[in-house]
């Protein structure tokens, strides 16, 4: 029997698999699962302990379309257990990419994790 994978996880894994970071930055990142009941995806956190540069990103397939959903911010703006972003972050710090713009989403996330700029 084959167990079906959640479609939004497939999208998130595809995006995360394409993210290219310098080795130094990649060592400061971790990936874990994230869910808000309607969307399931992956949560990436960058903890740069030497600089205090802490960033986080949630990535999934959007719940109401097949777009790629990204929510970003300082790691403190996400719950440290569920990785859920705050309502304010959801409203003001989210980004959408077309379903076939996987490379563009991965490049955007990589740049955000490197620089913190949007």
N, C-alpha and C. Protein backbone atom coordinates (compact mmCIF):
# COMPACT_ATOMS: atom_id res chain seq x y z
N UNK A 1 0.85 -1.18 0.00
CA UNK A 1 0.00 0.00 0.00
C UNK A 1 0.89 1.24 0.00
N UNK A 2 0.50 2.17 -0.77
CA UNK A 2 1.24 3.42 -0.81
C UNK A 2 0.51 4.48 0.00
N UNK A 3 1.23 5.14 0.88
CA UNK A 3 0.64 6.19 1.71
C UNK A 3 0.72 7.51 0.96
N UNK A 4 -0.39 8.19 0.86
CA UNK A 4 -0.47 9.44 0.12
C UNK A 4 0.16 10.58 0.92
N UNK A 5 0.95 11.39 0.25
CA UNK A 5 1.57 12.55 0.89
C UNK A 5 0.69 13.77 0.67
N UNK A 6 0.60 14.61 1.68
CA UNK A 6 -0.17 15.85 1.59
C UNK A 6 0.37 16.71 0.44
N UNK A 7 -0.48 17.18 -0.47
CA UNK A 7 -0.01 17.96 -1.62
C UNK A 7 0.81 19.20 -1.25
N UNK A 8 0.43 19.89 -0.18
CA UNK A 8 1.18 21.09 0.17
C UNK A 8 2.59 20.75 0.65
N UNK A 9 2.77 19.56 1.23
CA UNK A 9 4.11 19.15 1.62
C UNK A 9 4.98 18.86 0.40
N UNK A 10 4.37 18.31 -0.65
CA UNK A 10 5.12 18.08 -1.88
C UNK A 10 5.65 19.39 -2.44
N UNK A 11 4.80 20.40 -2.45
CA UNK A 11 5.18 21.72 -2.95
C UNK A 11 6.30 22.29 -2.09
N UNK A 12 6.12 22.25 -0.78
CA UNK A 12 7.13 22.80 0.13
C UNK A 12 8.47 22.08 -0.03
N UNK A 13 8.44 20.76 -0.14
CA UNK A 13 9.68 19.99 -0.30
C UNK A 13 10.37 20.32 -1.62
N UNK A 14 9.57 20.53 -2.65
CA UNK A 14 10.15 20.89 -3.95
C UNK A 14 10.86 22.23 -3.86
N UNK A 15 10.22 23.21 -3.21
CA UNK A 15 10.83 24.53 -3.06
C UNK A 15 12.09 24.45 -2.21
N UNK A 16 11.99 23.83 -1.04
CA UNK A 16 13.14 23.75 -0.13
C UNK A 16 14.30 22.99 -0.77
N UNK A 17 13.99 21.99 -1.55
CA UNK A 17 15.03 21.22 -2.23
C UNK A 17 15.83 22.03 -3.24
N UNK A 18 15.27 23.13 -3.71
CA UNK A 18 15.95 23.98 -4.69
C UNK A 18 16.70 25.16 -4.08
N UNK A 19 16.52 25.39 -2.78
CA UNK A 19 17.18 26.53 -2.14
C UNK A 19 18.68 26.29 -2.11
N UNK A 20 19.42 27.26 -2.61
CA UNK A 20 20.87 27.15 -2.64
C UNK A 20 21.46 28.25 -1.75
N UNK A 21 22.18 27.81 -0.73
CA UNK A 21 22.79 28.74 0.22
C UNK A 21 24.28 28.43 0.35
N UNK A 22 25.09 29.44 0.65
CA UNK A 22 26.49 29.16 0.97
C UNK A 22 26.54 28.23 2.18
N UNK A 23 27.56 27.39 2.25
CA UNK A 23 27.68 26.38 3.31
C UNK A 23 27.60 27.01 4.70
N UNK A 24 28.22 28.15 4.90
CA UNK A 24 28.21 28.81 6.20
C UNK A 24 26.79 29.15 6.64
N UNK A 25 25.98 29.66 5.72
CA UNK A 25 24.60 30.02 6.05
C UNK A 25 23.75 28.76 6.20
N UNK A 26 23.96 27.78 5.35
CA UNK A 26 23.19 26.54 5.43
C UNK A 26 23.37 25.87 6.80
N UNK A 27 24.57 25.95 7.37
CA UNK A 27 24.82 25.35 8.70
C UNK A 27 24.02 26.06 9.79
N UNK A 28 23.61 27.29 9.56
CA UNK A 28 22.84 28.05 10.54
C UNK A 28 21.34 27.84 10.39
N UNK A 29 20.93 27.02 9.42
CA UNK A 29 19.51 26.81 9.12
C UNK A 29 19.04 25.42 9.55
N UNK A 30 17.77 25.37 9.89
CA UNK A 30 17.13 24.08 10.16
C UNK A 30 15.75 24.08 9.52
N UNK A 31 15.27 22.89 9.18
CA UNK A 31 13.97 22.74 8.54
C UNK A 31 13.13 21.81 9.41
N UNK A 32 11.89 22.20 9.63
CA UNK A 32 10.96 21.37 10.39
C UNK A 32 9.58 21.51 9.77
N UNK A 33 8.65 20.71 10.24
CA UNK A 33 7.30 20.77 9.68
C UNK A 33 6.51 21.91 10.32
N UNK A 34 5.46 22.28 9.62
CA UNK A 34 4.60 23.37 10.08
C UNK A 34 3.18 23.10 9.62
N UNK A 35 2.21 23.44 10.43
CA UNK A 35 0.81 23.24 10.06
C UNK A 35 -0.07 24.23 10.78
N UNK A 36 -1.07 24.74 10.08
CA UNK A 36 -2.08 25.56 10.74
C UNK A 36 -3.46 24.95 10.52
N UNK A 37 -3.50 23.67 10.34
CA UNK A 37 -4.69 22.85 10.09
C UNK A 37 -5.15 22.90 8.64
N UNK A 38 -5.16 24.07 8.02
CA UNK A 38 -5.59 24.15 6.63
C UNK A 38 -4.42 24.08 5.67
N UNK A 39 -3.25 24.46 6.12
CA UNK A 39 -2.04 24.40 5.30
C UNK A 39 -0.99 23.61 6.06
N UNK A 40 -0.26 22.81 5.32
CA UNK A 40 0.86 22.09 5.90
C UNK A 40 2.06 22.37 5.02
N UNK A 41 3.18 22.59 5.65
CA UNK A 41 4.37 22.89 4.88
C UNK A 41 5.62 22.73 5.71
N UNK A 42 6.63 23.46 5.31
CA UNK A 42 7.91 23.39 6.00
C UNK A 42 8.27 24.77 6.56
N UNK A 43 8.97 24.73 7.66
CA UNK A 43 9.42 25.93 8.37
C UNK A 43 10.94 25.93 8.35
N UNK A 44 11.53 27.01 7.87
CA UNK A 44 12.98 27.14 7.85
C UNK A 44 13.37 28.24 8.82
N UNK A 45 14.32 27.94 9.68
CA UNK A 45 14.82 28.93 10.63
C UNK A 45 16.30 29.11 10.43
N UNK A 46 16.74 30.35 10.44
CA UNK A 46 18.18 30.64 10.41
C UNK A 46 18.54 31.33 11.71
N UNK A 47 19.38 30.68 12.49
CA UNK A 47 19.90 31.25 13.73
C UNK A 47 21.38 31.55 13.53
N UNK A 48 21.70 32.81 13.36
CA UNK A 48 23.10 33.22 13.24
C UNK A 48 23.51 33.76 14.61
N UNK A 49 23.95 32.88 15.46
CA UNK A 49 24.22 33.23 16.85
C UNK A 49 25.27 34.32 17.01
N UNK A 50 26.26 34.35 16.13
CA UNK A 50 27.32 35.34 16.26
C UNK A 50 26.86 36.76 15.92
N UNK A 51 25.82 36.88 15.09
CA UNK A 51 25.35 38.21 14.67
C UNK A 51 23.98 38.57 15.20
N UNK A 52 23.26 37.59 15.73
CA UNK A 52 21.90 37.84 16.19
C UNK A 52 20.91 37.96 15.04
N UNK A 53 21.31 37.54 13.85
CA UNK A 53 20.49 37.61 12.65
C UNK A 53 19.62 36.36 12.59
N UNK A 54 18.39 36.46 13.04
CA UNK A 54 17.51 35.30 13.12
C UNK A 54 16.30 35.50 12.22
N UNK A 55 16.13 34.63 11.26
CA UNK A 55 15.04 34.72 10.30
C UNK A 55 14.29 33.40 10.23
N UNK A 56 13.03 33.48 9.83
CA UNK A 56 12.22 32.27 9.67
C UNK A 56 11.30 32.43 8.47
N UNK A 57 10.98 31.31 7.86
CA UNK A 57 10.12 31.27 6.68
C UNK A 57 9.23 30.04 6.76
N UNK A 58 7.95 30.21 6.47
CA UNK A 58 7.04 29.09 6.28
C UNK A 58 6.75 29.01 4.79
N UNK A 59 6.75 27.81 4.24
CA UNK A 59 6.45 27.63 2.82
C UNK A 59 5.49 26.45 2.66
N UNK A 60 4.47 26.65 1.82
CA UNK A 60 3.46 25.61 1.59
C UNK A 60 2.70 25.93 0.31
N UNK A 61 1.85 25.01 -0.08
CA UNK A 61 0.89 25.32 -1.13
C UNK A 61 -0.25 26.08 -0.46
N UNK A 62 -0.68 27.18 -1.03
CA UNK A 62 -1.74 27.99 -0.43
C UNK A 62 -3.03 27.18 -0.29
N UNK A 63 -3.76 27.44 0.78
CA UNK A 63 -4.94 26.65 1.07
C UNK A 63 -6.08 26.88 0.08
N UNK A 64 -6.16 28.05 -0.54
CA UNK A 64 -7.30 28.36 -1.41
C UNK A 64 -6.93 28.36 -2.89
N UNK A 65 -5.71 27.97 -3.20
CA UNK A 65 -5.27 27.90 -4.60
C UNK A 65 -4.09 26.95 -4.68
N UNK A 66 -3.50 26.85 -5.84
CA UNK A 66 -2.30 26.03 -5.96
C UNK A 66 -1.04 26.89 -5.98
N UNK A 67 -1.17 28.14 -5.56
CA UNK A 67 -0.01 29.03 -5.47
C UNK A 67 0.93 28.58 -4.36
N UNK A 68 2.16 29.04 -4.44
CA UNK A 68 3.14 28.78 -3.40
C UNK A 68 3.05 29.92 -2.39
N UNK A 69 2.79 29.58 -1.15
CA UNK A 69 2.63 30.56 -0.07
C UNK A 69 3.91 30.61 0.76
N UNK A 70 4.38 31.83 1.02
CA UNK A 70 5.55 32.03 1.87
C UNK A 70 5.20 33.10 2.90
N UNK A 71 5.50 32.82 4.14
CA UNK A 71 5.35 33.78 5.22
C UNK A 71 6.73 33.92 5.86
N UNK A 72 7.17 35.14 6.11
CA UNK A 72 8.55 35.37 6.55
C UNK A 72 8.59 36.38 7.69
N UNK A 73 9.69 36.36 8.43
CA UNK A 73 9.88 37.32 9.50
C UNK A 73 11.02 36.94 10.40
N UNK A 74 11.16 37.70 11.46
CA UNK A 74 12.13 37.37 12.49
C UNK A 74 11.67 36.09 13.17
N UNK A 75 12.58 35.24 13.57
CA UNK A 75 12.20 33.95 14.15
C UNK A 75 11.33 34.13 15.40
N UNK A 76 11.47 35.23 16.10
CA UNK A 76 10.66 35.49 17.30
C UNK A 76 9.19 35.74 16.96
N UNK A 77 8.88 36.00 15.70
CA UNK A 77 7.50 36.26 15.28
C UNK A 77 6.74 34.96 14.98
N UNK A 78 7.40 33.82 15.15
CA UNK A 78 6.79 32.52 14.92
C UNK A 78 6.79 31.75 16.24
N UNK A 79 5.72 31.00 16.48
CA UNK A 79 5.64 30.20 17.70
C UNK A 79 6.78 29.19 17.69
N UNK A 80 7.47 29.06 18.81
CA UNK A 80 8.66 28.19 18.83
C UNK A 80 8.33 26.70 18.87
N UNK A 81 7.08 26.33 19.06
CA UNK A 81 6.70 24.91 19.03
C UNK A 81 5.96 24.54 17.76
N UNK A 82 4.99 25.35 17.37
CA UNK A 82 4.17 25.02 16.20
C UNK A 82 4.70 25.67 14.92
N UNK A 83 5.57 26.65 15.06
CA UNK A 83 6.12 27.42 13.94
C UNK A 83 5.06 28.27 13.23
N UNK A 84 3.92 28.43 13.86
CA UNK A 84 2.85 29.24 13.29
C UNK A 84 3.22 30.72 13.44
N UNK A 85 3.02 31.46 12.37
CA UNK A 85 3.27 32.90 12.42
C UNK A 85 2.11 33.60 13.12
N UNK A 86 2.39 34.79 13.63
CA UNK A 86 1.33 35.57 14.26
C UNK A 86 0.37 36.08 13.19
N UNK A 87 -0.81 36.50 13.58
CA UNK A 87 -1.80 37.04 12.64
C UNK A 87 -1.26 38.28 11.94
N UNK A 88 -0.54 39.12 12.69
CA UNK A 88 0.04 40.34 12.08
C UNK A 88 1.06 39.99 11.01
N UNK A 89 1.89 39.00 11.28
CA UNK A 89 2.89 38.56 10.30
C UNK A 89 2.18 37.98 9.08
N UNK A 90 1.15 37.18 9.30
CA UNK A 90 0.40 36.58 8.19
C UNK A 90 -0.17 37.65 7.27
N UNK A 91 -0.69 38.72 7.87
CA UNK A 91 -1.33 39.78 7.08
C UNK A 91 -0.33 40.68 6.36
N UNK A 92 0.83 40.89 6.95
CA UNK A 92 1.75 41.89 6.38
C UNK A 92 3.04 41.31 5.80
N UNK A 93 3.37 40.07 6.12
CA UNK A 93 4.65 39.50 5.70
C UNK A 93 4.44 38.15 5.01
N UNK A 94 3.56 38.15 4.04
CA UNK A 94 3.35 36.94 3.27
C UNK A 94 3.50 37.25 1.79
N UNK A 95 3.86 36.23 1.06
CA UNK A 95 4.16 36.39 -0.35
C UNK A 95 3.64 35.16 -1.08
N UNK A 96 3.19 35.36 -2.31
CA UNK A 96 2.67 34.25 -3.11
C UNK A 96 3.42 34.19 -4.45
N UNK A 97 3.65 32.97 -4.90
CA UNK A 97 4.26 32.72 -6.20
C UNK A 97 3.33 31.80 -6.97
N UNK A 98 3.33 31.91 -8.28
CA UNK A 98 2.54 31.01 -9.11
C UNK A 98 2.97 29.57 -8.88
N UNK A 99 2.07 28.64 -9.07
CA UNK A 99 2.34 27.22 -8.81
C UNK A 99 3.57 26.70 -9.56
N UNK A 100 3.86 27.27 -10.71
CA UNK A 100 4.99 26.80 -11.50
C UNK A 100 6.24 27.66 -11.33
N UNK A 101 6.25 28.53 -10.34
CA UNK A 101 7.40 29.39 -10.07
C UNK A 101 8.22 28.88 -8.89
N UNK A 102 8.48 27.58 -8.89
CA UNK A 102 9.19 26.94 -7.78
C UNK A 102 10.59 27.53 -7.64
N UNK A 103 11.30 27.70 -8.76
CA UNK A 103 12.65 28.27 -8.71
C UNK A 103 12.63 29.69 -8.16
N UNK A 104 11.67 30.49 -8.59
CA UNK A 104 11.58 31.88 -8.11
C UNK A 104 11.33 31.91 -6.61
N UNK A 105 10.47 31.03 -6.12
CA UNK A 105 10.20 30.96 -4.67
C UNK A 105 11.45 30.55 -3.91
N UNK A 106 12.17 29.55 -4.42
CA UNK A 106 13.40 29.09 -3.77
C UNK A 106 14.45 30.20 -3.75
N UNK A 107 14.60 30.91 -4.84
CA UNK A 107 15.57 32.01 -4.91
C UNK A 107 15.19 33.13 -3.95
N UNK A 108 13.89 33.43 -3.85
CA UNK A 108 13.45 34.48 -2.94
C UNK A 108 13.77 34.09 -1.49
N UNK A 109 13.47 32.85 -1.13
CA UNK A 109 13.75 32.39 0.23
C UNK A 109 15.25 32.43 0.51
N UNK A 110 16.06 31.98 -0.43
CA UNK A 110 17.52 31.99 -0.23
C UNK A 110 18.01 33.42 0.00
N UNK A 111 17.54 34.35 -0.79
CA UNK A 111 17.97 35.75 -0.62
C UNK A 111 17.51 36.29 0.74
N UNK A 112 16.30 35.96 1.13
CA UNK A 112 15.81 36.42 2.44
C UNK A 112 16.62 35.83 3.59
N UNK A 113 16.93 34.55 3.51
CA UNK A 113 17.73 33.95 4.57
C UNK A 113 19.15 34.50 4.61
N UNK A 114 19.68 34.89 3.46
CA UNK A 114 21.03 35.46 3.41
C UNK A 114 21.06 36.90 3.91
N UNK A 115 20.09 37.71 3.48
CA UNK A 115 20.18 39.16 3.73
C UNK A 115 19.10 39.70 4.66
N UNK A 116 17.97 39.05 4.73
CA UNK A 116 16.85 39.56 5.52
C UNK A 116 16.07 40.63 4.77
N UNK A 117 16.43 40.88 3.51
CA UNK A 117 15.75 41.89 2.73
C UNK A 117 14.66 41.26 1.89
N UNK A 118 13.56 42.01 1.73
CA UNK A 118 12.44 41.50 0.91
C UNK A 118 12.25 42.35 -0.32
